[in-house]
Amino acid sequence: QVQLAESGGGLVQAGGSLRLSCTASSRTFSSYAMGWFRQAPGKEREFVAAISWSGASTYYADSVKGRFTISRDDATNTLYLQMNSLKPEDTAVYYCKAGGRYWGQGTQVTVSS
């Protein structure tokens, strides 16, 4: 069982930046591929970014490519999502996911125009 806790969400103006964090309880964090997903009101949850267990490979949705950066720090069991050039359409609850099966509780990101 892996417990995940996201933080770093908030209200920001369009064009601004936020960095989300996801801290995992498991000592096996380094063995998991990790991902970020988001869900806007009235919409389905969608993929944002993922990183392999080694950190060597990263993947992004087209909508965030070039603006968001996913990274991980295995020493602190923490996953990050650096979000730059934010747009109102990035407004959503952001969730981290571990190993394709464990979810965090989410953190709200609101981008005002």
N, C-alpha and C. Protein backbone atom coordinates (compact mmCIF):
# COMPACT_ATOMS: atom_id res chain seq x y z
N GLN A 1 0.84 -1.18 0.00
CA GLN A 1 0.00 0.00 0.00
C GLN A 1 0.89 1.25 0.00
N VAL A 2 0.54 2.21 -0.85
CA VAL A 2 1.28 3.47 -0.95
C VAL A 2 0.31 4.61 -0.68
N GLN A 3 0.67 5.48 0.23
CA GLN A 3 -0.12 6.68 0.49
C GLN A 3 0.57 7.87 -0.14
N LEU A 4 -0.22 8.67 -0.84
CA LEU A 4 0.31 9.81 -1.57
C LEU A 4 -0.36 11.08 -1.09
N ALA A 5 0.41 12.14 -0.95
CA ALA A 5 -0.14 13.42 -0.49
C ALA A 5 0.37 14.54 -1.39
N GLU A 6 -0.56 15.16 -2.13
CA GLU A 6 -0.19 16.28 -2.99
C GLU A 6 -0.25 17.60 -2.23
N SER A 7 0.54 18.54 -2.68
CA SER A 7 0.53 19.89 -2.12
C SER A 7 1.03 20.86 -3.18
N GLY A 8 0.86 22.15 -2.90
CA GLY A 8 1.40 23.17 -3.80
C GLY A 8 0.38 23.83 -4.69
N GLY A 9 -0.85 23.36 -4.65
CA GLY A 9 -1.87 23.99 -5.47
C GLY A 9 -2.23 25.37 -4.94
N GLY A 10 -3.03 26.10 -5.71
CA GLY A 10 -3.46 27.42 -5.29
C GLY A 10 -4.04 28.21 -6.43
N LEU A 11 -4.19 29.49 -6.18
CA LEU A 11 -4.73 30.42 -7.17
C LEU A 11 -3.59 31.24 -7.77
N VAL A 12 -3.54 31.29 -9.09
CA VAL A 12 -2.47 32.02 -9.76
C VAL A 12 -3.05 32.70 -11.00
N GLN A 13 -2.47 33.79 -11.40
CA GLN A 13 -2.91 34.47 -12.61
C GLN A 13 -2.36 33.78 -13.85
N ALA A 14 -3.05 33.95 -14.94
CA ALA A 14 -2.57 33.40 -16.21
C ALA A 14 -1.16 33.89 -16.50
N GLY A 15 -0.32 32.98 -16.95
CA GLY A 15 1.08 33.30 -17.20
C GLY A 15 1.99 33.00 -16.03
N GLY A 16 1.40 32.73 -14.87
CA GLY A 16 2.17 32.46 -13.68
C GLY A 16 2.64 31.02 -13.60
N SER A 17 3.26 30.69 -12.45
CA SER A 17 3.84 29.36 -12.24
C SER A 17 3.43 28.81 -10.89
N LEU A 18 3.40 27.51 -10.82
CA LEU A 18 3.21 26.77 -9.57
C LEU A 18 4.06 25.52 -9.63
N ARG A 19 4.45 25.03 -8.47
CA ARG A 19 5.12 23.73 -8.40
C ARG A 19 4.34 22.84 -7.45
N LEU A 20 3.85 21.75 -7.99
CA LEU A 20 3.14 20.76 -7.20
C LEU A 20 4.12 19.71 -6.68
N SER A 21 3.82 19.21 -5.49
CA SER A 21 4.61 18.13 -4.90
C SER A 21 3.69 16.98 -4.54
N CYS A 22 4.23 15.79 -4.58
CA CYS A 22 3.51 14.60 -4.17
C CYS A 22 4.48 13.76 -3.36
N THR A 23 4.19 13.60 -2.08
CA THR A 23 5.06 12.84 -1.20
C THR A 23 4.46 11.47 -0.94
N ALA A 24 5.29 10.45 -1.09
CA ALA A 24 4.83 9.07 -0.93
C ALA A 24 5.30 8.49 0.39
N SER A 25 4.47 7.62 0.95
CA SER A 25 4.80 7.00 2.24
C SER A 25 5.70 5.80 2.09
N SER A 26 5.74 5.23 0.89
CA SER A 26 6.40 3.95 0.71
C SER A 26 7.90 4.09 0.48
N ARG A 27 8.66 3.15 1.10
CA ARG A 27 10.11 3.14 0.86
C ARG A 27 10.43 2.56 -0.51
N THR A 28 9.41 2.01 -1.18
CA THR A 28 9.63 1.47 -2.52
C THR A 28 9.28 2.49 -3.59
N PHE A 29 9.17 3.76 -3.21
CA PHE A 29 8.83 4.84 -4.15
C PHE A 29 9.71 4.78 -5.39
N SER A 30 11.00 4.53 -5.21
CA SER A 30 11.94 4.56 -6.32
C SER A 30 11.69 3.48 -7.35
N SER A 31 10.87 2.50 -7.02
CA SER A 31 10.59 1.42 -7.95
C SER A 31 9.33 1.66 -8.78
N TYR A 32 8.62 2.75 -8.47
CA TYR A 32 7.37 3.03 -9.15
C TYR A 32 7.52 4.06 -10.26
N ALA A 33 6.89 3.79 -11.41
CA ALA A 33 6.63 4.86 -12.36
C ALA A 33 5.57 5.75 -11.73
N MET A 34 5.67 7.06 -11.97
CA MET A 34 4.76 8.01 -11.34
C MET A 34 4.11 8.90 -12.40
N GLY A 35 2.95 9.40 -12.07
CA GLY A 35 2.27 10.26 -13.02
C GLY A 35 1.44 11.34 -12.35
N TRP A 36 1.13 12.35 -13.14
CA TRP A 36 0.21 13.41 -12.75
C TRP A 36 -1.00 13.36 -13.69
N PHE A 37 -2.16 13.54 -13.10
CA PHE A 37 -3.42 13.60 -13.83
C PHE A 37 -4.19 14.81 -13.31
N ARG A 38 -5.19 15.22 -14.05
CA ARG A 38 -6.01 16.34 -13.59
C ARG A 38 -7.46 16.13 -14.01
N GLN A 39 -8.35 16.75 -13.24
CA GLN A 39 -9.76 16.65 -13.53
C GLN A 39 -10.40 18.02 -13.33
N ALA A 40 -10.92 18.56 -14.41
CA ALA A 40 -11.63 19.84 -14.37
C ALA A 40 -13.11 19.58 -14.09
N PRO A 41 -13.82 20.56 -13.58
CA PRO A 41 -15.25 20.38 -13.28
C PRO A 41 -16.02 19.93 -14.52
N GLY A 42 -16.79 18.87 -14.36
CA GLY A 42 -17.62 18.38 -15.45
C GLY A 42 -16.88 17.59 -16.50
N LYS A 43 -15.60 17.34 -16.28
CA LYS A 43 -14.80 16.61 -17.27
C LYS A 43 -14.20 15.36 -16.66
N GLU A 44 -13.76 14.46 -17.52
CA GLU A 44 -13.11 13.24 -17.06
C GLU A 44 -11.67 13.54 -16.64
N ARG A 45 -11.16 12.69 -15.77
CA ARG A 45 -9.76 12.82 -15.38
C ARG A 45 -8.89 12.54 -16.58
N GLU A 46 -7.84 13.35 -16.77
CA GLU A 46 -6.98 13.19 -17.92
C GLU A 46 -5.51 13.14 -17.53
N PHE A 47 -4.74 12.49 -18.35
CA PHE A 47 -3.30 12.37 -18.17
C PHE A 47 -2.62 13.72 -18.39
N VAL A 48 -1.64 14.03 -17.55
CA VAL A 48 -0.85 15.25 -17.70
C VAL A 48 0.60 14.92 -18.01
N ALA A 49 1.22 14.11 -17.15
CA ALA A 49 2.64 13.81 -17.32
C ALA A 49 2.98 12.53 -16.56
N ALA A 50 4.06 11.88 -16.98
CA ALA A 50 4.52 10.67 -16.30
C ALA A 50 6.04 10.62 -16.35
N ILE A 51 6.58 9.86 -15.41
CA ILE A 51 8.03 9.68 -15.35
C ILE A 51 8.31 8.23 -14.99
N SER A 52 9.31 7.65 -15.63
CA SER A 52 9.65 6.26 -15.37
C SER A 52 10.26 6.09 -13.99
N TRP A 53 10.36 4.84 -13.55
CA TRP A 53 10.90 4.60 -12.20
C TRP A 53 12.32 5.12 -12.05
N SER A 54 13.08 5.10 -13.15
CA SER A 54 14.48 5.55 -13.10
C SER A 54 14.61 7.06 -13.28
N GLY A 55 13.53 7.67 -13.76
CA GLY A 55 13.59 9.10 -14.06
C GLY A 55 14.17 9.40 -15.43
N ALA A 56 14.56 8.36 -16.15
CA ALA A 56 15.22 8.57 -17.44
C ALA A 56 14.25 8.97 -18.54
N SER A 57 12.98 8.59 -18.37
CA SER A 57 11.99 8.87 -19.41
C SER A 57 10.84 9.68 -18.84
N THR A 58 10.41 10.66 -19.60
CA THR A 58 9.26 11.47 -19.22
C THR A 58 8.28 11.57 -20.39
N TYR A 59 7.04 11.77 -20.07
CA TYR A 59 5.98 11.81 -21.07
C TYR A 59 5.01 12.93 -20.69
N TYR A 60 4.49 13.60 -21.72
CA TYR A 60 3.60 14.73 -21.47
C TYR A 60 2.40 14.71 -22.41
N ALA A 61 1.29 15.20 -21.89
CA ALA A 61 0.15 15.46 -22.77
C ALA A 61 0.52 16.62 -23.68
N ASP A 62 -0.02 16.61 -24.88
CA ASP A 62 0.29 17.69 -25.84
C ASP A 62 -0.08 19.05 -25.28
N SER A 63 -1.12 19.09 -24.49
CA SER A 63 -1.62 20.38 -23.98
C SER A 63 -0.67 21.05 -22.99
N VAL A 64 0.27 20.29 -22.42
CA VAL A 64 1.18 20.87 -21.42
C VAL A 64 2.64 20.80 -21.85
N LYS A 65 2.90 20.15 -22.97
CA LYS A 65 4.27 19.98 -23.42
C LYS A 65 4.93 21.34 -23.63
N GLY A 66 6.14 21.48 -23.09
CA GLY A 66 6.87 22.74 -23.20
C GLY A 66 6.57 23.72 -22.08
N ARG A 67 5.52 23.45 -21.30
CA ARG A 67 5.17 24.34 -20.18
C ARG A 67 5.34 23.66 -18.83
N PHE A 68 5.08 22.36 -18.76
CA PHE A 68 5.16 21.60 -17.51
C PHE A 68 6.38 20.69 -17.53
N THR A 69 6.95 20.47 -16.35
CA THR A 69 8.09 19.56 -16.22
C THR A 69 7.85 18.65 -15.02
N ILE A 70 7.91 17.35 -15.26
CA ILE A 70 7.79 16.37 -14.19
C ILE A 70 9.18 15.93 -13.77
N SER A 71 9.34 15.73 -12.46
CA SER A 71 10.63 15.26 -11.95
C SER A 71 10.38 14.50 -10.65
N ARG A 72 11.41 13.81 -10.19
CA ARG A 72 11.29 13.04 -8.96
C ARG A 72 12.57 13.12 -8.15
N ASP A 73 12.41 13.01 -6.84
CA ASP A 73 13.54 12.96 -5.92
C ASP A 73 13.36 11.72 -5.07
N ASP A 74 14.04 10.66 -5.41
CA ASP A 74 13.87 9.40 -4.70
C ASP A 74 14.42 9.47 -3.27
N ALA A 75 15.32 10.37 -3.00
CA ALA A 75 15.86 10.50 -1.65
C ALA A 75 14.81 10.97 -0.65
N THR A 76 13.83 11.72 -1.15
CA THR A 76 12.77 12.25 -0.28
C THR A 76 11.39 11.68 -0.64
N ASN A 77 11.37 10.70 -1.52
CA ASN A 77 10.09 10.08 -1.94
C ASN A 77 9.10 11.12 -2.46
N THR A 78 9.60 12.06 -3.26
CA THR A 78 8.76 13.16 -3.72
C THR A 78 8.74 13.27 -5.23
N LEU A 79 7.55 13.46 -5.75
CA LEU A 79 7.32 13.70 -7.17
C LEU A 79 6.95 15.18 -7.32
N TYR A 80 7.43 15.81 -8.39
CA TYR A 80 7.15 17.22 -8.63
C TYR A 80 6.50 17.43 -9.99
N LEU A 81 5.76 18.53 -10.07
CA LEU A 81 5.28 19.01 -11.36
C LEU A 81 5.47 20.53 -11.38
N GLN A 82 6.45 20.98 -12.13
CA GLN A 82 6.67 22.40 -12.32
C GLN A 82 5.77 22.86 -13.45
N MET A 83 4.92 23.83 -13.16
CA MET A 83 3.96 24.32 -14.15
C MET A 83 4.23 25.79 -14.43
N ASN A 84 4.61 26.09 -15.65
CA ASN A 84 4.89 27.46 -16.08
C ASN A 84 3.89 27.89 -17.14
N SER A 85 3.84 29.19 -17.37
CA SER A 85 2.95 29.75 -18.40
C SER A 85 1.53 29.20 -18.27
N LEU A 86 1.03 29.23 -17.06
CA LEU A 86 -0.28 28.63 -16.79
C LEU A 86 -1.39 29.37 -17.52
N LYS A 87 -2.40 28.60 -17.92
CA LYS A 87 -3.55 29.11 -18.66
C LYS A 87 -4.83 28.81 -17.87
N PRO A 88 -5.88 29.57 -18.08
CA PRO A 88 -7.14 29.28 -17.38
C PRO A 88 -7.61 27.84 -17.60
N GLU A 89 -7.33 27.28 -18.76
CA GLU A 89 -7.76 25.90 -19.04
C GLU A 89 -6.95 24.86 -18.28
N ASP A 90 -5.92 25.28 -17.56
CA ASP A 90 -5.19 24.36 -16.68
C ASP A 90 -5.88 24.20 -15.33
N THR A 91 -6.92 24.98 -15.09
CA THR A 91 -7.66 24.89 -13.84
C THR A 91 -8.25 23.50 -13.66
N ALA A 92 -7.93 22.86 -12.55
CA ALA A 92 -8.38 21.49 -12.29
C ALA A 92 -7.88 21.05 -10.92
N VAL A 93 -8.37 19.91 -10.48
CA VAL A 93 -7.76 19.22 -9.35
C VAL A 93 -6.68 18.31 -9.93
N TYR A 94 -5.50 18.41 -9.38
CA TYR A 94 -4.36 17.64 -9.86
C TYR A 94 -4.07 16.50 -8.90
N TYR A 95 -3.91 15.30 -9.48
CA TYR A 95 -3.68 14.09 -8.70
C TYR A 95 -2.37 13.44 -9.11
N CYS A 96 -1.66 12.87 -8.16
CA CYS A 96 -0.52 12.04 -8.51
C CYS A 96 -0.93 10.58 -8.40
N LYS A 97 -0.22 9.75 -9.14
CA LYS A 97 -0.52 8.33 -9.20
C LYS A 97 0.78 7.56 -9.18
N ALA A 98 0.78 6.47 -8.42
CA ALA A 98 1.99 5.66 -8.29
C ALA A 98 1.75 4.27 -8.82
N GLY A 99 2.68 3.78 -9.61
CA GLY A 99 2.62 2.40 -10.05
C GLY A 99 1.38 2.02 -10.82
N GLY A 100 0.71 3.02 -11.36
CA GLY A 100 -0.49 2.74 -12.14
C GLY A 100 -1.69 2.35 -11.31
N ARG A 101 -1.60 2.46 -9.97
CA ARG A 101 -2.72 1.98 -9.15
C ARG A 101 -3.03 2.83 -7.93
N TYR A 102 -2.10 3.55 -7.35
CA TYR A 102 -2.36 4.30 -6.12
C TYR A 102 -2.54 5.80 -6.44
N TRP A 103 -3.58 6.38 -5.85
CA TRP A 103 -3.91 7.79 -6.10
C TRP A 103 -3.77 8.62 -4.83
N GLY A 104 -3.37 9.89 -5.03
CA GLY A 104 -3.45 10.84 -3.94
C GLY A 104 -4.83 11.46 -3.87
N GLN A 105 -5.00 12.40 -2.93
CA GLN A 105 -6.31 13.00 -2.71
C GLN A 105 -6.55 14.21 -3.60
N GLY A 106 -5.51 14.72 -4.22
CA GLY A 106 -5.64 15.83 -5.14
C GLY A 106 -5.36 17.18 -4.52
N THR A 107 -4.95 18.12 -5.35
CA THR A 107 -4.73 19.50 -4.94
C THR A 107 -5.31 20.42 -6.02
N GLN A 108 -6.01 21.46 -5.58
CA GLN A 108 -6.70 22.34 -6.51
C GLN A 108 -5.76 23.37 -7.10
N VAL A 109 -5.81 23.50 -8.42
CA VAL A 109 -5.08 24.57 -9.13
C VAL A 109 -6.12 25.41 -9.85
N THR A 110 -6.10 26.71 -9.58
CA THR A 110 -7.02 27.64 -10.24
C THR A 110 -6.22 28.74 -10.91
N VAL A 111 -6.43 28.90 -12.21
CA VAL A 111 -5.73 29.92 -12.98
C VAL A 111 -6.74 30.96 -13.43
N SER A 112 -6.54 32.18 -12.97
CA SER A 112 -7.47 33.26 -13.33
C SER A 112 -6.99 33.98 -14.59
N SER A 113 -7.94 34.47 -15.36
CA SER A 113 -7.59 35.16 -16.61
C SER A 113 -7.41 36.65 -16.39
